[in-house]
C-alpha atoms as a PDB file:
ATOM      1  CA  GLN A   1     -62.609  20.639-167.440  1.00  0.00           C
ATOM      2  CA  MET A   2     -60.727  18.735-164.723  1.00  0.00           C
ATOM      3  CA  VAL A   3     -61.429  19.463-161.437  1.00  0.00           C
ATOM      4  CA  LEU A   4     -57.445  18.990-160.538  1.00  0.00           C
ATOM      5  CA  GLN A   5     -56.476  21.760-163.250  1.00  0.00           C
ATOM      6  CA  SER A   6     -59.019  24.112-161.687  1.00  0.00           C
ATOM      7  CA  LEU A   7     -57.129  23.429-158.279  1.00  0.00           C
ATOM      8  CA  GLU A   8     -54.016  24.147-160.199  1.00  0.00           C
ATOM      9  CA  GLN A   9     -55.611  27.501-161.458  1.00  0.00           C
ATOM     10  CA  ALA A  10     -57.164  28.565-157.713  1.00  0.00           C
ATOM     11  CA  TYR A  11     -53.844  28.260-156.546  1.00  0.00           C
ATOM     12  CA  THR A  12     -52.121  30.591-159.382  1.00  0.00           C
ATOM     13  CA  GLN A  13     -54.679  32.729-159.219  1.00  0.00           C
ATOM     14  CA  LYS A  14     -55.450  32.730-155.362  1.00  0.00           C
ATOM     15  CA  ASN A  15     -58.714  32.063-156.305  1.00  0.00           C
ATOM     16  CA  LEU A  16     -60.506  30.906-153.001  1.00  0.00           C
ATOM     17  CA  GLN A  17     -64.064  30.788-154.697  1.00  0.00           C
ATOM     18  CA  LEU A  18     -62.469  28.814-157.407  1.00  0.00           C
ATOM     19  CA  PHE A  19     -60.630  25.856-154.795  1.00  0.00           C
ATOM     20  CA  SER A  20     -64.184  25.716-152.588  1.00  0.00           C
ATOM     21  CA  ALA A  21     -65.817  25.111-155.813  1.00  0.00           C
ATOM     22  CA  CYS A  22     -63.556  21.822-156.118  1.00  0.00           C
ATOM     23  CA  LEU A  23     -64.076  20.338-152.804  1.00  0.00           C
ATOM     24  CA  ALA A  24     -66.821  17.775-151.957  1.00  0.00           C
ATOM     25  CA  GLU A  25     -69.287  19.291-148.755  1.00  0.00           C
ATOM     26  CA  ASP A  26     -68.240  16.433-147.271  1.00  0.00           C
ATOM     27  CA  PHE A  27     -64.373  17.196-147.980  1.00  0.00           C
ATOM     28  CA  ARG A  28     -61.947  15.751-145.710  1.00  0.00           C
ATOM     29  CA  PHE A  29     -58.130  16.356-146.058  1.00  0.00           C
ATOM     30  CA  GLU A  30     -55.982  12.985-144.339  1.00  0.00           C
ATOM     31  CA  LEU A  31     -52.556  13.767-143.075  1.00  0.00           C
ATOM     32  CA  LEU A  32     -49.857  11.112-142.834  1.00  0.00           C
ATOM     33  CA  SER A  33     -49.552   9.589-139.511  1.00  0.00           C
ATOM     34  CA  SER A  34     -46.339  10.782-139.089  1.00  0.00           C
ATOM     35  CA  GLU A  35     -47.614  14.355-139.595  1.00  0.00           C
ATOM     36  CA  VAL A  36     -50.270  14.391-137.140  1.00  0.00           C
ATOM     37  CA  ASN A  37     -48.508  15.505-134.193  1.00  0.00           C
ATOM     38  CA  ILE A  38     -46.576  18.846-136.443  1.00  0.00           C
ATOM     39  CA  ILE A  39     -49.747  20.105-137.717  1.00  0.00           C
ATOM     40  CA  GLY A  40     -52.540  17.895-136.757  1.00  0.00           C
ATOM     41  CA  ILE A  41     -55.556  19.673-134.655  1.00  0.00           C
ATOM     42  CA  ASP A  42     -57.601  17.779-131.757  1.00  0.00           C
ATOM     43  CA  TRP A  43     -61.109  17.969-133.120  1.00  0.00           C
ATOM     44  CA  ASN A  44     -63.414  16.745-131.123  1.00  0.00           C
ATOM     45  CA  ASN A  45     -61.578  17.544-127.865  1.00  0.00           C
ATOM     46  CA  ASP A  46     -60.668  14.163-126.479  1.00  0.00           C
ATOM     47  CA  GLY A  47     -56.903  15.406-125.936  1.00  0.00           C
ATOM     48  CA  PHE A  48     -55.263  13.993-129.406  1.00  0.00           C
ATOM     49  CA  LYS A  49     -54.648  15.152-132.654  1.00  0.00           C
ATOM     50  CA  ASP A  50     -56.699  14.053-135.292  1.00  0.00           C
ATOM     51  CA  ASP A  51     -55.381  12.779-138.763  1.00  0.00           C
ATOM     52  CA  TRP A  52     -57.472  14.839-140.834  1.00  0.00           C
ATOM     53  CA  TRP A  53     -59.465  18.077-141.234  1.00  0.00           C
ATOM     54  CA  GLY A  54     -62.891  18.984-143.128  1.00  0.00           C
ATOM     55  CA  TYR A  55     -64.351  21.596-145.734  1.00  0.00           C
ATOM     56  CA  GLU A  56     -64.739  24.426-143.072  1.00  0.00           C
ATOM     57  CA  GLN A  57     -61.137  24.267-141.739  1.00  0.00           C
ATOM     58  CA  GLU A  58     -59.604  23.373-145.472  1.00  0.00           C
ATOM     59  CA  VAL A  59     -61.509  26.589-147.147  1.00  0.00           C
ATOM     60  CA  GLU A  60     -60.206  28.883-143.558  1.00  0.00           C
ATOM     61  CA  TYR A  61     -56.698  27.463-144.523  1.00  0.00           C
ATOM     62  CA  HIS A  62     -56.739  28.687-148.274  1.00  0.00           C
ATOM     63  CA  ARG A  63     -58.522  31.687-146.901  1.00  0.00           C
ATOM     64  CA  ASN A  64     -55.296  32.671-145.028  1.00  0.00           C
ATOM     65  CA  LEU A  65     -52.722  31.244-147.653  1.00  0.00           C
ATOM     66  CA  PHE A  66     -54.450  33.184-150.669  1.00  0.00           C
ATOM     67  CA  LEU A  67     -55.641  36.667-148.888  1.00  0.00           C
ATOM     68  CA  GLU A  68     -54.639  36.957-145.663  1.00  0.00           C
ATOM     69  CA  GLY A  69     -51.263  35.549-144.756  1.00  0.00           C
ATOM     70  CA  SER A  70     -50.470  32.647-141.545  1.00  0.00           C
ATOM     71  CA  SER A  71     -53.260  33.580-138.801  1.00  0.00           C
ATOM     72  CA  ASP A  72     -50.190  34.360-136.276  1.00  0.00           C
ATOM     73  CA  GLY A  73     -49.103  37.180-138.678  1.00  0.00           C
ATOM     74  CA  SER A  74     -45.406  35.706-138.761  1.00  0.00           C
ATOM     75  CA  TYR A  75     -46.143  35.237-142.893  1.00  0.00           C
ATOM     76  CA  PRO A  76     -47.955  37.726-145.019  1.00  0.00           C
ATOM     77  CA  PRO A  77     -49.774  36.227-147.873  1.00  0.00           C
ATOM     78  CA  PRO A  78     -47.466  34.947-150.762  1.00  0.00           C
ATOM     79  CA  ASP A  79     -47.669  37.726-153.571  1.00  0.00           C
ATOM     80  CA  GLN A  80     -47.219  34.786-156.330  1.00  0.00           C
ATOM     81  CA  ILE A  81     -48.557  30.754-155.583  1.00  0.00           C
ATOM     82  CA  ASN A  82     -47.252  27.921-157.863  1.00  0.00           C
ATOM     83  CA  LEU A  83     -48.573  24.511-157.686  1.00  0.00           C
ATOM     84  CA  ARG A  84     -47.892  21.683-160.402  1.00  0.00           C
ATOM     85  CA  LEU A  85     -49.818  18.537-159.922  1.00  0.00           C
ATOM     86  CA  GLN A  86     -48.426  15.796-162.202  1.00  0.00           C
ATOM     87  CA  ILE A  87     -51.711  14.388-162.838  1.00  0.00           C
ATOM     88  CA  PRO A  88     -50.730  10.549-164.315  1.00  0.00           C
ATOM     89  CA  PRO A  89     -52.909   8.999-167.398  1.00  0.00           C
ATOM     90  CA  GLN A  90     -56.346   8.320-167.303  1.00  0.00           C
ATOM     91  CA  GLU A  91     -55.548   4.832-167.441  1.00  0.00           C
ATOM     92  CA  GLN A  92     -53.498   4.800-164.225  1.00  0.00           C
ATOM     93  CA  TRP A  93     -55.672   5.955-161.865  1.00  0.00           C
ATOM     94  CA  GLN A  94     -57.581   3.775-159.797  1.00  0.00           C
ATOM     95  CA  THR A  95     -60.918   3.041-158.142  1.00  0.00           C
ATOM     96  CA  ASP A  96     -62.047   3.572-154.557  1.00  0.00           C
ATOM     97  CA  PRO A  97     -62.890   0.165-153.302  1.00  0.00           C
ATOM     98  CA  GLU A  98     -64.633   1.144-150.273  1.00  0.00           C
ATOM     99  CA  THR A  99     -68.168   0.195-150.150  1.00  0.00           C
ATOM    100  CA  GLY A 100     -70.598   3.009-151.536  1.00  0.00           C
ATOM    101  CA  HIS A 101     -67.756   4.768-153.318  1.00  0.00           C
ATOM    102  CA  GLU A 102     -67.969   2.623-156.605  1.00  0.00           C
ATOM    103  CA  THR A 103     -68.314   5.938-158.814  1.00  0.00           C
ATOM    104  CA  TRP A 104     -65.056   7.387-157.047  1.00  0.00           C
ATOM    105  CA  VAL A 105     -61.393   7.390-158.882  1.00  0.00           C
ATOM    106  CA  VAL A 106     -58.531   7.706-157.096  1.00  0.00           C
ATOM    107  CA  VAL A 107     -55.512   9.785-158.954  1.00  0.00           C
ATOM    108  CA  PRO A 108     -52.642   9.830-157.223  1.00  0.00           C
ATOM    109  CA  CYS A 109     -50.068  12.793-157.789  1.00  0.00           C
ATOM    110  CA  LEU A 110     -46.854  14.003-157.548  1.00  0.00           C
ATOM    111  CA  PHE A 111     -47.190  17.811-156.304  1.00  0.00           C
ATOM    112  CA  ASP A 112     -44.787  20.713-156.144  1.00  0.00           C
ATOM    113  CA  LEU A 113     -46.150  23.995-154.228  1.00  0.00           C
ATOM    114  CA  GLN A 114     -44.034  27.348-154.068  1.00  0.00           C
ATOM    115  CA  LEU A 115     -45.224  30.397-152.187  1.00  0.00           C
ATOM    116  CA  LEU A 116     -43.103  33.203-153.571  1.00  0.00           C
ATOM    117  CA  TYR A 117     -42.754  36.285-151.471  1.00  0.00           C
ATOM    118  CA  THR A 118     -41.085  39.671-153.241  1.00  0.00           C
ATOM    119  CA  ALA A 119     -40.667  41.990-150.649  1.00  0.00           C
ATOM    120  CA  SER A 120     -37.959  39.788-148.886  1.00  0.00           C
ATOM    121  CA  GLY A 121     -36.687  37.642-151.611  1.00  0.00           C
ATOM    122  CA  SER A 122     -37.966  34.262-150.363  1.00  0.00           C
ATOM    123  CA  SER A 123     -40.100  31.638-151.272  1.00  0.00           C
ATOM    124  CA  LEU A 124     -41.380  27.895-149.669  1.00  0.00           C
ATOM    125  CA  THR A 125     -41.343  24.881-151.471  1.00  0.00           C
ATOM    126  CA  SER A 126     -42.943  22.135-150.412  1.00  0.00           C
ATOM    127  CA  ASN A 127     -43.235  18.462-152.897  1.00  0.00           C
ATOM    128  CA  GLY A 128     -44.337  15.065-152.640  1.00  0.00           C
ATOM    129  CA  VAL A 129     -47.371  13.091-153.280  1.00  0.00           C
ATOM    130  CA  ALA A 130     -50.774  13.675-153.107  1.00  0.00           C
ATOM    131  CA  ARG A 131     -53.714  10.900-153.730  1.00  0.00           C
ATOM    132  CA  PHE A 132     -56.811  12.467-154.471  1.00  0.00           C
ATOM    133  CA  PHE A 133     -60.339  10.604-154.138  1.00  0.00           C
ATOM    134  CA  LEU A 134     -62.756  11.843-156.738  1.00  0.00           C
ATOM    135  CA  LYS A 135     -66.434  11.572-156.556  1.00  0.00           C
ATOM    136  CA  PRO A 136     -68.781  12.726-159.086  1.00  0.00           C
ATOM    137  CA  VAL A 137     -71.946  14.766-158.037  1.00  0.00           C
ATOM    138  CA  ASP A 138     -74.429  15.536-161.021  1.00  0.00           C
ATOM    139  CA  ASN A 139     -71.748  15.144-164.005  1.00  0.00           C
ATOM    140  CA  LEU A 140     -68.816  16.965-162.284  1.00  0.00           C
ATOM    141  CA  TRP A 141     -66.272  15.576-160.045  1.00  0.00           C
ATOM    142  CA  TYR A 142     -65.264  16.984-156.547  1.00  0.00           C
ATOM    143  CA  ILE A 143     -62.312  16.288-154.669  1.00  0.00           C
ATOM    144  CA  ALA A 144     -63.976  14.150-151.464  1.00  0.00           C
ATOM    145  CA  VAL A 145     -60.706  12.943-150.118  1.00  0.00           C
ATOM    146  CA  TRP A 146     -57.131  14.820-150.251  1.00  0.00           C
ATOM    147  CA  ARG A 147     -54.801  12.656-148.986  1.00  0.00           C
ATOM    148  CA  ASP A 148     -51.508  13.909-147.967  1.00  0.00           C
ATOM    149  CA  GLU A 149     -48.832  10.979-148.562  1.00  0.00           C
ATOM    150  CA  SER A 150     -45.900  12.991-148.128  1.00  0.00           C
ATOM    151  CA  ASN A 151     -43.201  13.042-145.451  1.00  0.00           C
ATOM    152  CA  ILE A 152     -43.155  17.105-144.439  1.00  0.00           C
END
């Protein structure tokens, strides 16, 4: 099964184990430069927010999203999460030009993410473009880089 379909399922089921299994061990989430000051994190404590984070931080974010609510306690976990990816046909996938990534594929997807909160009757929606860099490990595909190309 396609790793991006598993990603959609992980969101729908709020399944942290399935989500984690979609990511490569050296996973990176990359932000647009325009978003760094809004949601970037200073990883290396040099006083500047960095434009990416890694596997552990991404899993932690999703633990909060799926199970625990926001880390500051202002939001409970959503009652329902819908992630829809418009996965383009395979002939529109690209190869990764970077050296050493000859076996990787790059899949640009439009996405639509909806968080529903039953108690308050509210919802949060975000949509845009995500570029997924997929790499094969032992005949399975993993998300190595998730590059968010949408403007918040």
